[in-house]
Amino acid sequence: MKRAFLVWTLALTIGCAEETPPAPPTENAPVDGPQLTFESTRHDFGKVERQVLKHSFKFKNTGNQTLEIKDVRAGCGCTVIQGYEKKIEPGKESTISAELNAATMKGRIEKPITVTSNDPKKPTQQLSLAAEVQVELMVLPGEHLGFGRLQRDSVTNLIFEINTTLPEPLEIKGVETGVPWLTAKVESSTTNSAKIQLATQPPLPWGVSRATVRVQTSLTRYSNITVNAMVQVPETISVSPTRLTFPKDKSREFNAMVRRNDGKEFHITELKTTDDFVSTTITTNTPGRLYTLRLSYAPKEGKSPTDGKIEILTDEPAWPKVELPYSFR
């Protein structure tokens, strides 16, 4: 009887041992393959003033194979990726550093960063940098103003406004442009805002011209404010392209367009060249308005070409000559 009881107990023990499930894996066991695990995928700088913000995202390879960072790409030009390791061994930690230029931003902002790796489960992950940019002083509509395309005798104006939330009162002590074709004056002013009027003064310079408007104020932190202004005055008669480059060792032809930009008629009276390396013919596209120059070059045995120019003479007294320089390489 005792022997039978022992046999039955032993059989029961063996049966229970066979049915016992395997122990679960530990939580810290690495996964099979590389795994990119970020400590945090979003960083909020909170309330900040206008400045360049820097942050490093910490991450770890929690897999059991080498992790490869294939690409880190910012979502806009305001964010610059500073650096990162491309290969991280299992169990190792690293960072991805980035800079967000919030020097010209305002209000709530959030900028994305895309990380691509060889993590089979998450080959692409999104990071983000967020902040609330506090602005104590603002220039509206902006710190870069454009008058657009004007004629040389144009008289026009723009108004920009300075607003501040500082407790000290705003007083405009002076405004200057530094160029003769643009004037500035205070149109109106209160304790926390001011309107400045810019006005063009003929004759405006040909081409694209820029001016820096300097505003002196009573504010301690913003005693000098700069605003950039730009105006474009098309040349009466222009040639495009403005320069040509020929290959030295083979023949080449180019077309150049000569046009009048104020809507009036003109005529090309003569073409002059500084040498005989480049020949020129004229085709009329729109009589009195638009012409095409066909410029041809062919190598000459025993002669090395030199840089020169084409002089385009016209019947317009105010614009009697246009030059088209050319070079060889």
C-alpha atoms as a PDB file:
ATOM      1  CA  MET A   1       0.000   0.000   0.000  1.00  0.00           C
ATOM      2  CA  LYS A   2       2.777   2.456   0.923  1.00  0.00           C
ATOM      3  CA  ARG A   3       4.658   1.554  -2.248  1.00  0.00           C
ATOM      4  CA  ALA A   4       1.625   2.250  -4.439  1.00  0.00           C
ATOM      5  CA  PHE A   5       1.160   5.617  -2.776  1.00  0.00           C
ATOM      6  CA  LEU A   6       4.776   6.601  -3.511  1.00  0.00           C
ATOM      7  CA  VAL A   7       4.450   5.598  -7.195  1.00  0.00           C
ATOM      8  CA  TRP A   8       1.256   7.680  -7.525  1.00  0.00           C
ATOM      9  CA  THR A   9       2.912  10.728  -5.896  1.00  0.00           C
ATOM     10  CA  LEU A  10       5.952  10.492  -8.162  1.00  0.00           C
ATOM     11  CA  ALA A  11       3.781  10.278 -11.279  1.00  0.00           C
ATOM     12  CA  LEU A  12       1.765  13.306 -10.179  1.00  0.00           C
ATOM     13  CA  THR A  13       4.952  15.307  -9.573  1.00  0.00           C
ATOM     14  CA  ILE A  14       6.344  14.453 -13.026  1.00  0.00           C
ATOM     15  CA  GLY A  15       3.049  15.357 -14.691  1.00  0.00           C
ATOM     16  CA  CYS A  16       2.947  18.753 -12.997  1.00  0.00           C
ATOM     17  CA  ALA A  17       6.558  19.460 -13.980  1.00  0.00           C
ATOM     18  CA  GLU A  18       5.788  18.762 -17.641  1.00  0.00           C
ATOM     19  CA  GLU A  19       2.799  21.153 -17.620  1.00  0.00           C
ATOM     20  CA  THR A  20       4.676  24.081 -16.007  1.00  0.00           C
ATOM     21  CA  PRO A  21       4.819  26.966 -18.587  1.00  0.00           C
ATOM     22  CA  PRO A  22       8.190  28.517 -19.457  1.00  0.00           C
ATOM     23  CA  ALA A  23       9.236  31.578 -17.474  1.00  0.00           C
ATOM     24  CA  PRO A  24       8.402  34.894 -19.218  1.00  0.00           C
ATOM     25  CA  PRO A  25      11.352  36.870 -20.646  1.00  0.00           C
ATOM     26  CA  THR A  26      12.746  39.615 -18.505  1.00  0.00           C
ATOM     27  CA  GLU A  27      11.690  43.182 -19.336  1.00  0.00           C
ATOM     28  CA  ASN A  28      15.282  44.290 -19.998  1.00  0.00           C
ATOM     29  CA  ALA A  29      16.060  41.578 -22.527  1.00  0.00           C
ATOM     30  CA  PRO A  30      17.098  43.154 -25.867  1.00  0.00           C
ATOM     31  CA  VAL A  31      14.866  42.636 -28.872  1.00  0.00           C
ATOM     32  CA  ASP A  32      16.097  40.688 -31.868  1.00  0.00           C
ATOM     33  CA  GLY A  33      17.659  43.207 -34.277  1.00  0.00           C
ATOM     34  CA  PRO A  34      18.453  46.938 -33.880  1.00  0.00           C
ATOM     35  CA  GLN A  35      15.982  49.133 -31.998  1.00  0.00           C
ATOM     36  CA  LEU A  36      16.012  52.943 -31.779  1.00  0.00           C
ATOM     37  CA  THR A  37      14.537  54.080 -28.480  1.00  0.00           C
ATOM     38  CA  PHE A  38      14.361  57.799 -27.670  1.00  0.00           C
ATOM     39  CA  GLU A  39      14.260  59.098 -24.121  1.00  0.00           C
ATOM     40  CA  SER A  40      11.752  61.649 -25.429  1.00  0.00           C
ATOM     41  CA  THR A  41      10.666  62.474 -28.977  1.00  0.00           C
ATOM     42  CA  ARG A  42       9.423  65.995 -28.183  1.00  0.00           C
ATOM     43  CA  HIS A  43      11.110  68.888 -26.418  1.00  0.00           C
ATOM     44  CA  ASP A  44       9.241  72.014 -25.386  1.00  0.00           C
ATOM     45  CA  PHE A  45      11.439  75.001 -24.510  1.00  0.00           C
ATOM     46  CA  GLY A  46       8.458  76.740 -22.918  1.00  0.00           C
ATOM     47  CA  LYS A  47       8.261  80.531 -23.001  1.00  0.00           C
ATOM     48  CA  VAL A  48      11.393  82.024 -24.548  1.00  0.00           C
ATOM     49  CA  GLU A  49      12.556  85.277 -26.097  1.00  0.00           C
ATOM     50  CA  ARG A  50      13.635  85.447 -29.728  1.00  0.00           C
ATOM     51  CA  GLN A  51      16.894  83.511 -29.960  1.00  0.00           C
ATOM     52  CA  VAL A  52      18.598  80.370 -31.298  1.00  0.00           C
ATOM     53  CA  LEU A  53      17.394  77.355 -29.288  1.00  0.00           C
ATOM     54  CA  LYS A  54      19.525  74.225 -28.855  1.00  0.00           C
ATOM     55  CA  HIS A  55      18.573  70.715 -27.742  1.00  0.00           C
ATOM     56  CA  SER A  56      19.995  67.178 -27.887  1.00  0.00           C
ATOM     57  CA  PHE A  57      17.611  64.221 -28.160  1.00  0.00           C
ATOM     58  CA  LYS A  58      18.976  61.243 -26.191  1.00  0.00           C
ATOM     59  CA  PHE A  59      18.447  57.728 -27.521  1.00  0.00           C
ATOM     60  CA  LYS A  60      19.648  54.149 -26.998  1.00  0.00           C
ATOM     61  CA  ASN A  61      20.024  51.055 -29.106  1.00  0.00           C
ATOM     62  CA  THR A  62      17.856  48.655 -27.119  1.00  0.00           C
ATOM     63  CA  GLY A  63      18.260  45.880 -29.679  1.00  0.00           C
ATOM     64  CA  ASN A  64      20.922  43.190 -30.041  1.00  0.00           C
ATOM     65  CA  GLN A  65      22.359  44.314 -33.417  1.00  0.00           C
ATOM     66  CA  THR A  66      24.117  47.449 -34.642  1.00  0.00           C
ATOM     67  CA  LEU A  67      21.782  50.404 -35.086  1.00  0.00           C
ATOM     68  CA  GLU A  68      22.392  52.588 -38.147  1.00  0.00           C
ATOM     69  CA  ILE A  69      21.068  56.170 -38.360  1.00  0.00           C
ATOM     70  CA  LYS A  70      20.581  56.621 -42.098  1.00  0.00           C
ATOM     71  CA  ASP A  71      19.262  60.189 -42.187  1.00  0.00           C
ATOM     72  CA  VAL A  72      18.156  63.014 -39.911  1.00  0.00           C
ATOM     73  CA  ARG A  73      16.192  65.695 -41.739  1.00  0.00           C
ATOM     74  CA  ALA A  74      14.679  68.937 -40.423  1.00  0.00           C
ATOM     75  CA  GLY A  75      11.222  69.944 -41.578  1.00  0.00           C
ATOM     76  CA  CYS A  76      12.184  73.549 -42.342  1.00  0.00           C
ATOM     77  CA  GLY A  77      15.214  75.745 -42.968  1.00  0.00           C
ATOM     78  CA  CYS A  78      14.897  77.266 -39.506  1.00  0.00           C
ATOM     79  CA  THR A  79      16.131  73.999 -37.945  1.00  0.00           C
ATOM     80  CA  VAL A  80      19.714  72.803 -38.373  1.00  0.00           C
ATOM     81  CA  ILE A  81      20.899  69.309 -37.420  1.00  0.00           C
ATOM     82  CA  GLN A  82      24.235  69.748 -35.640  1.00  0.00           C
ATOM     83  CA  GLY A  83      25.444  66.169 -35.554  1.00  0.00           C
ATOM     84  CA  TYR A  84      24.853  62.523 -34.643  1.00  0.00           C
ATOM     85  CA  GLU A  85      26.555  59.122 -34.649  1.00  0.00           C
ATOM     86  CA  LYS A  86      25.667  56.939 -37.606  1.00  0.00           C
ATOM     87  CA  LYS A  87      26.372  53.551 -35.987  1.00  0.00           C
ATOM     88  CA  ILE A  88      25.471  52.637 -32.413  1.00  0.00           C
ATOM     89  CA  GLU A  89      26.249  49.242 -30.942  1.00  0.00           C
ATOM     90  CA  PRO A  90      23.696  47.287 -28.848  1.00  0.00           C
ATOM     91  CA  GLY A  91      23.147  48.814 -25.401  1.00  0.00           C
ATOM     92  CA  LYS A  92      24.971  52.052 -26.282  1.00  0.00           C
ATOM     93  CA  GLU A  93      23.505  55.552 -25.928  1.00  0.00           C
ATOM     94  CA  SER A  94      23.930  58.623 -28.152  1.00  0.00           C
ATOM     95  CA  THR A  95      22.291  61.937 -29.060  1.00  0.00           C
ATOM     96  CA  ILE A  96      20.958  63.903 -32.021  1.00  0.00           C
ATOM     97  CA  SER A  97      21.654  67.628 -31.598  1.00  0.00           C
ATOM     98  CA  ALA A  98      19.627  70.354 -33.312  1.00  0.00           C
ATOM     99  CA  GLU A  99      19.328  74.146 -33.374  1.00  0.00           C
ATOM    100  CA  LEU A 100      16.075  76.012 -33.914  1.00  0.00           C
ATOM    101  CA  ASN A 101      16.464  79.618 -35.023  1.00  0.00           C
ATOM    102  CA  ALA A 102      13.542  81.395 -33.372  1.00  0.00           C
ATOM    103  CA  ALA A 103      15.149  84.833 -33.680  1.00  0.00           C
ATOM    104  CA  THR A 104      12.488  86.053 -36.120  1.00  0.00           C
ATOM    105  CA  MET A 105       9.513  83.983 -34.924  1.00  0.00           C
ATOM    106  CA  LYS A 106       6.610  84.786 -32.661  1.00  0.00           C
ATOM    107  CA  GLY A 107       3.883  82.928 -30.821  1.00  0.00           C
ATOM    108  CA  ARG A 108       3.514  79.171 -30.526  1.00  0.00           C
ATOM    109  CA  ILE A 109       5.838  77.194 -32.810  1.00  0.00           C
ATOM    110  CA  GLU A 110       6.578  73.497 -33.338  1.00  0.00           C
ATOM    111  CA  LYS A 111       9.082  72.192 -35.878  1.00  0.00           C
ATOM    112  CA  PRO A 112       9.488  68.523 -36.909  1.00  0.00           C
ATOM    113  CA  ILE A 113      12.599  66.399 -37.405  1.00  0.00           C
ATOM    114  CA  THR A 114      12.474  63.055 -39.233  1.00  0.00           C
ATOM    115  CA  VAL A 115      14.888  60.277 -38.237  1.00  0.00           C
ATOM    116  CA  THR A 116      15.409  57.294 -40.552  1.00  0.00           C
ATOM    117  CA  SER A 117      17.194  54.178 -39.267  1.00  0.00           C
ATOM    118  CA  ASN A 118      17.499  50.426 -39.811  1.00  0.00           C
ATOM    119  CA  ASP A 119      15.108  49.702 -36.953  1.00  0.00           C
ATOM    120  CA  PRO A 120      12.826  47.101 -38.633  1.00  0.00           C
ATOM    121  CA  LYS A 121       9.792  47.974 -36.500  1.00  0.00           C
ATOM    122  CA  LYS A 122      10.128  51.766 -36.665  1.00  0.00           C
ATOM    123  CA  PRO A 123      12.307  52.707 -39.661  1.00  0.00           C
ATOM    124  CA  THR A 124      11.055  56.304 -39.449  1.00  0.00           C
ATOM    125  CA  GLN A 125      10.475  58.284 -36.268  1.00  0.00           C
ATOM    126  CA  GLN A 126       9.379  61.881 -35.739  1.00  0.00           C
ATOM    127  CA  LEU A 127      10.974  64.319 -33.304  1.00  0.00           C
ATOM    128  CA  SER A 128       9.764  67.847 -32.625  1.00  0.00           C
ATOM    129  CA  LEU A 129      10.982  71.078 -31.061  1.00  0.00           C
ATOM    130  CA  ALA A 130       8.341  73.379 -29.587  1.00  0.00           C
ATOM    131  CA  ALA A 131       8.352  76.785 -27.944  1.00  0.00           C
ATOM    132  CA  GLU A 132       6.269  79.841 -27.258  1.00  0.00           C
ATOM    133  CA  VAL A 133       8.249  82.821 -28.492  1.00  0.00           C
ATOM    134  CA  GLN A 134       7.570  85.928 -26.465  1.00  0.00           C
ATOM    135  CA  VAL A 135       7.987  89.155 -28.415  1.00  0.00           C
ATOM    136  CA  GLU A 136       8.498  92.353 -26.463  1.00  0.00           C
ATOM    137  CA  LEU A 137       8.924  94.408 -29.619  1.00  0.00           C
ATOM    138  CA  MET A 138       7.539  93.821 -33.092  1.00  0.00           C
ATOM    139  CA  VAL A 139       7.986  95.546 -36.455  1.00  0.00           C
ATOM    140  CA  LEU A 140       4.953  95.260 -38.732  1.00  0.00           C
ATOM    141  CA  PRO A 141       4.519  94.188 -41.467  1.00  0.00           C
ATOM    142  CA  GLY A 142       8.115  93.032 -41.043  1.00  0.00           C
ATOM    143  CA  GLU A 143      11.761  93.981 -40.822  1.00  0.00           C
ATOM    144  CA  HIS A 144      12.233  93.562 -44.598  1.00  0.00           C
ATOM    145  CA  LEU A 145      10.187  95.870 -46.813  1.00  0.00           C
ATOM    146  CA  GLY A 146      10.023  95.964 -50.594  1.00  0.00           C
ATOM    147  CA  PHE A 147       8.787  98.734 -52.869  1.00  0.00           C
ATOM    148  CA  GLY A 148       8.727  96.345 -55.808  1.00  0.00           C
ATOM    149  CA  ARG A 149       9.475  97.467 -59.377  1.00  0.00           C
ATOM    150  CA  LEU A 150       9.349 101.235 -59.862  1.00  0.00           C
ATOM    151  CA  GLN A 151      10.259 103.721 -62.564  1.00  0.00           C
ATOM    152  CA  ARG A 152      13.204 105.990 -61.970  1.00  0.00           C
ATOM    153  CA  ASP A 153      10.932 109.008 -61.359  1.00  0.00           C
ATOM    154  CA  SER A 154       8.483 107.183 -59.069  1.00  0.00           C
ATOM    155  CA  VAL A 155       7.402 108.801 -55.798  1.00  0.00           C
ATOM    156  CA  THR A 156       5.751 106.307 -53.454  1.00  0.00           C
ATOM    157  CA  ASN A 157       5.734 105.426 -49.759  1.00  0.00           C
ATOM    158  CA  LEU A 158       5.494 102.587 -47.285  1.00  0.00           C
ATOM    159  CA  ILE A 159       4.577 102.640 -43.606  1.00  0.00           C
ATOM    160  CA  PHE A 160       5.904 100.275 -40.965  1.00  0.00           C
ATOM    161  CA  GLU A 161       4.856 100.143 -37.325  1.00  0.00           C
ATOM    162  CA  ILE A 162       6.800  99.468 -34.138  1.00  0.00           C
ATOM    163  CA  ASN A 163       4.837  97.907 -31.263  1.00  0.00           C
ATOM    164  CA  THR A 164       6.111  97.093 -27.778  1.00  0.00           C
ATOM    165  CA  THR A 165       4.721  95.413 -24.654  1.00  0.00           C
ATOM    166  CA  LEU A 166       7.468  96.776 -22.403  1.00  0.00           C
ATOM    167  CA  PRO A 167       6.421  98.855 -19.371  1.00  0.00           C
ATOM    168  CA  GLU A 168       8.688 101.771 -20.311  1.00  0.00           C
ATOM    169  CA  PRO A 169       7.252 104.262 -22.826  1.00  0.00           C
ATOM    170  CA  LEU A 170       8.350 104.222 -26.468  1.00  0.00           C
ATOM    171  CA  GLU A 171       9.854 107.460 -27.784  1.00  0.00           C
ATOM    172  CA  ILE A 172      11.349 107.776 -31.265  1.00  0.00           C
ATOM    173  CA  LYS A 173      14.517 109.866 -30.985  1.00  0.00           C
ATOM    174  CA  GLY A 174      15.570 109.738 -34.617  1.00  0.00           C
ATOM    175  CA  VAL A 175      15.182 107.990 -37.998  1.00  0.00           C
ATOM    176  CA  GLU A 176      17.698 107.858 -40.836  1.00  0.00           C
ATOM    177  CA  THR A 177      18.082 105.913 -44.085  1.00  0.00           C
ATOM    178  CA  GLY A 178      21.625 106.752 -45.173  1.00  0.00           C
ATOM    179  CA  VAL A 179      20.723 106.969 -48.883  1.00  0.00           C
ATOM    180  CA  PRO A 180      19.521 109.955 -50.942  1.00  0.00           C
ATOM    181  CA  TRP A 181      16.712 108.081 -52.721  1.00  0.00           C
ATOM    182  CA  LEU A 182      14.786 107.243 -49.533  1.00  0.00           C
ATOM    183  CA  THR A 183      13.512 109.459 -46.701  1.00  0.00           C
ATOM    184  CA  ALA A 184      11.924 108.510 -43.376  1.00  0.00           C
ATOM    185  CA  LYS A 185       9.787 110.360 -40.871  1.00  0.00           C
ATOM    186  CA  VAL A 186       7.636 109.614 -37.828  1.00  0.00           C
ATOM    187  CA  GLU A 187       3.997 109.697 -38.876  1.00  0.00           C
ATOM    188  CA  SER A 188       2.484 109.046 -35.425  1.00  0.00           C
ATOM    189  CA  SER A 189       3.592 107.859 -31.989  1.00  0.00           C
ATOM    190  CA  THR A 190       2.077 106.676 -28.681  1.00  0.00           C
ATOM    191  CA  THR A 191       3.541 105.262 -25.475  1.00  0.00           C
ATOM    192  CA  ASN A 192       3.754 101.729 -26.930  1.00  0.00           C
ATOM    193  CA  SER A 193       3.684 102.146 -30.739  1.00  0.00           C
ATOM    194  CA  ALA A 194       4.965 104.318 -33.566  1.00  0.00           C
ATOM    195  CA  LYS A 195       4.388 104.548 -37.309  1.00  0.00           C
ATOM    196  CA  ILE A 196       7.310 105.387 -39.607  1.00  0.00           C
ATOM    197  CA  GLN A 197       6.757 106.502 -43.211  1.00  0.00           C
ATOM    198  CA  LEU A 198       9.315 105.745 -45.919  1.00  0.00           C
ATOM    199  CA  ALA A 199       9.148 107.692 -49.188  1.00  0.00           C
ATOM    200  CA  THR A 200      11.163 107.298 -52.401  1.00  0.00           C
ATOM    201  CA  GLN A 201      12.955 110.360 -53.790  1.00  0.00           C
ATOM    202  CA  PRO A 202      13.721 110.511 -57.543  1.00  0.00           C
ATOM    203  CA  PRO A 203      15.891 109.915 -59.341  1.00  0.00           C
ATOM    204  CA  LEU A 204      15.932 106.324 -58.123  1.00  0.00           C
ATOM    205  CA  PRO A 205      19.094 104.311 -58.863  1.00  0.00           C
ATOM    206  CA  TRP A 206      19.031 101.740 -61.651  1.00  0.00           C
ATOM    207  CA  GLY A 207      18.852  98.077 -60.761  1.00  0.00           C
ATOM    208  CA  VAL A 208      18.206  96.623 -57.305  1.00  0.00           C
ATOM    209  CA  SER A 209      18.962  99.035 -54.450  1.00  0.00           C
ATOM    210  CA  ARG A 210      18.846  98.417 -50.701  1.00  0.00           C
ATOM    211  CA  ALA A 211      18.739 100.749 -47.725  1.00  0.00           C
ATOM    212  CA  THR A 212      19.023 100.188 -43.992  1.00  0.00           C
ATOM    213  CA  VAL A 213      16.593 102.303 -41.993  1.00  0.00           C
ATOM    214  CA  ARG A 214      17.878 102.964 -38.465  1.00  0.00           C
ATOM    215  CA  VAL A 215      15.424 103.963 -35.758  1.00  0.00           C
ATOM    216  CA  GLN A 216      16.745 105.317 -32.449  1.00  0.00           C
ATOM    217  CA  THR A 217      14.368 104.831 -29.494  1.00  0.00           C
ATOM    218  CA  SER A 218      14.202 105.521 -25.771  1.00  0.00           C
ATOM    219  CA  LEU A 219      13.909 101.805 -24.936  1.00  0.00           C
ATOM    220  CA  THR A 220      16.782 100.397 -22.898  1.00  0.00           C
ATOM    221  CA  ARG A 221      16.932  97.012 -24.640  1.00  0.00           C
ATOM    222  CA  TYR A 222      15.931  98.253 -28.090  1.00  0.00           C
ATOM    223  CA  SER A 223      17.676 101.585 -28.428  1.00  0.00           C
ATOM    224  CA  ASN A 224      18.456 100.866 -32.104  1.00  0.00           C
ATOM    225  CA  ILE A 225      16.046  99.145 -34.474  1.00  0.00           C
ATOM    226  CA  THR A 226      16.936  98.369 -38.102  1.00  0.00           C
ATOM    227  CA  VAL A 227      14.526  97.835 -40.986  1.00  0.00           C
ATOM    228  CA  ASN A 228      15.688  96.863 -44.489  1.00  0.00           C
ATOM    229  CA  ALA A 229      14.106  98.418 -47.583  1.00  0.00           C
ATOM    230  CA  MET A 230      14.560  97.395 -51.216  1.00  0.00           C
ATOM    231  CA  VAL A 231      13.522  98.855 -54.569  1.00  0.00           C
ATOM    232  CA  GLN A 232      14.046  97.611 -58.124  1.00  0.00           C
ATOM    233  CA  VAL A 233      14.264 100.015 -61.053  1.00  0.00           C
ATOM    234  CA  PRO A 234      14.527  98.171 -64.385  1.00  0.00           C
ATOM    235  CA  GLU A 235      17.113  99.596 -66.732  1.00  0.00           C
ATOM    236  CA  THR A 236      15.586 101.483 -69.642  1.00  0.00           C
ATOM    237  CA  ILE A 237      17.298  99.111 -72.074  1.00  0.00           C
ATOM    238  CA  SER A 238      18.673  95.827 -70.799  1.00  0.00           C
ATOM    239  CA  VAL A 239      20.350  92.722 -72.162  1.00  0.00           C
ATOM    240  CA  SER A 240      19.828  89.186 -70.874  1.00  0.00           C
ATOM    241  CA  PRO A 241      21.926  87.296 -69.962  1.00  0.00           C
ATOM    242  CA  THR A 242      24.219  89.979 -68.627  1.00  0.00           C
ATOM    243  CA  ARG A 243      27.398  87.955 -69.290  1.00  0.00           C
ATOM    244  CA  LEU A 244      28.470  85.051 -71.532  1.00  0.00           C
ATOM    245  CA  THR A 245      31.141  82.357 -71.135  1.00  0.00           C
ATOM    246  CA  PHE A 246      32.443  80.497 -74.206  1.00  0.00           C
ATOM    247  CA  PRO A 247      34.519  77.290 -74.227  1.00  0.00           C
ATOM    248  CA  LYS A 248      37.980  77.932 -75.682  1.00  0.00           C
ATOM    249  CA  ASP A 249      38.358  74.670 -77.561  1.00  0.00           C
ATOM    250  CA  LYS A 250      35.056  74.304 -79.427  1.00  0.00           C
ATOM    251  CA  SER A 251      32.489  76.319 -81.350  1.00  0.00           C
ATOM    252  CA  ARG A 252      29.521  77.689 -79.477  1.00  0.00           C
ATOM    253  CA  GLU A 253      26.548  79.981 -80.091  1.00  0.00           C
ATOM    254  CA  PHE A 254      24.440  81.962 -77.646  1.00  0.00           C
ATOM    255  CA  ASN A 255      21.307  84.069 -77.891  1.00  0.00           C
ATOM    256  CA  ALA A 256      20.953  87.338 -75.962  1.00  0.00           C
ATOM    257  CA  MET A 257      17.762  89.374 -75.673  1.00  0.00           C
ATOM    258  CA  VAL A 258      17.863  93.183 -75.833  1.00  0.00           C
ATOM    259  CA  ARG A 259      14.686  94.860 -74.658  1.00  0.00           C
ATOM    260  CA  ARG A 260      13.272  98.182 -73.537  1.00  0.00           C
ATOM    261  CA  ASN A 261      11.514  98.068 -70.143  1.00  0.00           C
ATOM    262  CA  ASP A 262       9.402 101.245 -70.115  1.00  0.00           C
ATOM    263  CA  GLY A 263       7.130 100.378 -73.033  1.00  0.00           C
ATOM    264  CA  LYS A 264       8.608 102.901 -75.479  1.00  0.00           C
ATOM    265  CA  GLU A 265      10.317 102.149 -78.773  1.00  0.00           C
ATOM    266  CA  PHE A 266      14.044 102.065 -79.463  1.00  0.00           C
ATOM    267  CA  HIS A 267      16.361 100.832 -82.171  1.00  0.00           C
ATOM    268  CA  ILE A 268      19.817  99.273 -82.195  1.00  0.00           C
ATOM    269  CA  THR A 269      21.995 101.513 -84.357  1.00  0.00           C
ATOM    270  CA  GLU A 270      25.309  99.666 -84.174  1.00  0.00           C
ATOM    271  CA  LEU A 271      27.168  96.747 -82.616  1.00  0.00           C
ATOM    272  CA  LYS A 272      30.819  97.086 -81.634  1.00  0.00           C
ATOM    273  CA  THR A 273      33.184  94.344 -80.504  1.00  0.00           C
ATOM    274  CA  THR A 274      36.592  94.580 -78.851  1.00  0.00           C
ATOM    275  CA  ASP A 275      38.006  91.742 -81.027  1.00  0.00           C
ATOM    276  CA  ASP A 276      37.080  89.408 -83.885  1.00  0.00           C
ATOM    277  CA  PHE A 277      36.718  86.213 -81.855  1.00  0.00           C
ATOM    278  CA  VAL A 278      32.936  86.609 -81.433  1.00  0.00           C
ATOM    279  CA  SER A 279      30.621  87.489 -84.312  1.00  0.00           C
ATOM    280  CA  THR A 280      27.141  88.956 -83.813  1.00  0.00           C
ATOM    281  CA  THR A 281      23.943  89.116 -85.847  1.00  0.00           C
ATOM    282  CA  ILE A 282      20.629  90.806 -84.985  1.00  0.00           C
ATOM    283  CA  THR A 283      17.107  89.413 -85.318  1.00  0.00           C
ATOM    284  CA  THR A 284      14.073  91.624 -84.730  1.00  0.00           C
ATOM    285  CA  ASN A 285      11.437  89.928 -82.565  1.00  0.00           C
ATOM    286  CA  THR A 286       9.188  92.914 -81.876  1.00  0.00           C
ATOM    287  CA  PRO A 287      10.275  95.965 -83.906  1.00  0.00           C
ATOM    288  CA  GLY A 288      11.235  98.818 -81.628  1.00  0.00           C
ATOM    289  CA  ARG A 289      10.806  96.737 -78.453  1.00  0.00           C
ATOM    290  CA  LEU A 290      12.711  93.442 -78.522  1.00  0.00           C
ATOM    291  CA  TYR A 291      15.763  92.159 -80.384  1.00  0.00           C
ATOM    292  CA  THR A 292      17.752  88.922 -80.351  1.00  0.00           C
ATOM    293  CA  LEU A 293      21.525  88.903 -80.701  1.00  0.00           C
ATOM    294  CA  ARG A 294      23.074  85.739 -82.100  1.00  0.00           C
ATOM    295  CA  LEU A 295      26.652  85.501 -80.778  1.00  0.00           C
ATOM    296  CA  SER A 296      28.950  82.899 -82.342  1.00  0.00           C
ATOM    297  CA  TYR A 297      32.471  81.742 -81.517  1.00  0.00           C
ATOM    298  CA  ALA A 298      34.746  79.369 -83.399  1.00  0.00           C
ATOM    299  CA  PRO A 299      38.355  78.519 -82.392  1.00  0.00           C
ATOM    300  CA  LYS A 300      41.097  79.901 -84.626  1.00  0.00           C
ATOM    301  CA  GLU A 301      44.240  77.885 -85.180  1.00  0.00           C
ATOM    302  CA  GLY A 302      47.253  79.446 -83.531  1.00  0.00           C
ATOM    303  CA  LYS A 303      45.213  82.114 -81.734  1.00  0.00           C
ATOM    304  CA  SER A 304      44.126  82.146 -78.093  1.00  0.00           C
ATOM    305  CA  PRO A 305      40.857  84.038 -77.448  1.00  0.00           C
ATOM    306  CA  THR A 306      40.740  86.839 -74.917  1.00  0.00           C
ATOM    307  CA  ASP A 307      37.889  88.172 -72.844  1.00  0.00           C
ATOM    308  CA  GLY A 308      35.960  91.049 -74.395  1.00  0.00           C
ATOM    309  CA  LYS A 309      32.553  92.709 -74.712  1.00  0.00           C
ATOM    310  CA  ILE A 310      29.841  93.641 -77.182  1.00  0.00           C
ATOM    311  CA  GLU A 311      28.753  97.295 -77.172  1.00  0.00           C
ATOM    312  CA  ILE A 312      25.123  97.704 -78.185  1.00  0.00           C
ATOM    313  CA  LEU A 313      24.484 101.282 -79.359  1.00  0.00           C
ATOM    314  CA  THR A 314      20.904 102.599 -79.441  1.00  0.00           C
ATOM    315  CA  ASP A 315      18.957 105.681 -80.551  1.00  0.00           C
ATOM    316  CA  GLU A 316      17.721 106.347 -76.991  1.00  0.00           C
ATOM    317  CA  PRO A 317      19.469 109.535 -75.746  1.00  0.00           C
ATOM    318  CA  ALA A 318      18.996 108.573 -72.086  1.00  0.00           C
ATOM    319  CA  TRP A 319      20.404 105.068 -72.669  1.00  0.00           C
ATOM    320  CA  PRO A 320      22.742 105.196 -75.674  1.00  0.00           C
ATOM    321  CA  LYS A 321      24.796 102.080 -74.882  1.00  0.00           C
ATOM    322  CA  VAL A 322      24.444  98.635 -73.297  1.00  0.00           C
ATOM    323  CA  GLU A 323      27.436  96.366 -72.764  1.00  0.00           C
ATOM    324  CA  LEU A 324      27.497  92.568 -72.882  1.00  0.00           C
ATOM    325  CA  PRO A 325      30.827  91.183 -71.569  1.00  0.00           C
ATOM    326  CA  TYR A 326      32.042  87.700 -72.471  1.00  0.00           C
ATOM    327  CA  SER A 327      34.873  85.431 -71.344  1.00  0.00           C
ATOM    328  CA  PHE A 328      36.491  82.097 -72.234  1.00  0.00           C
ATOM    329  CA  ARG A 329      37.362  79.034 -70.203  1.00  0.00           C
END
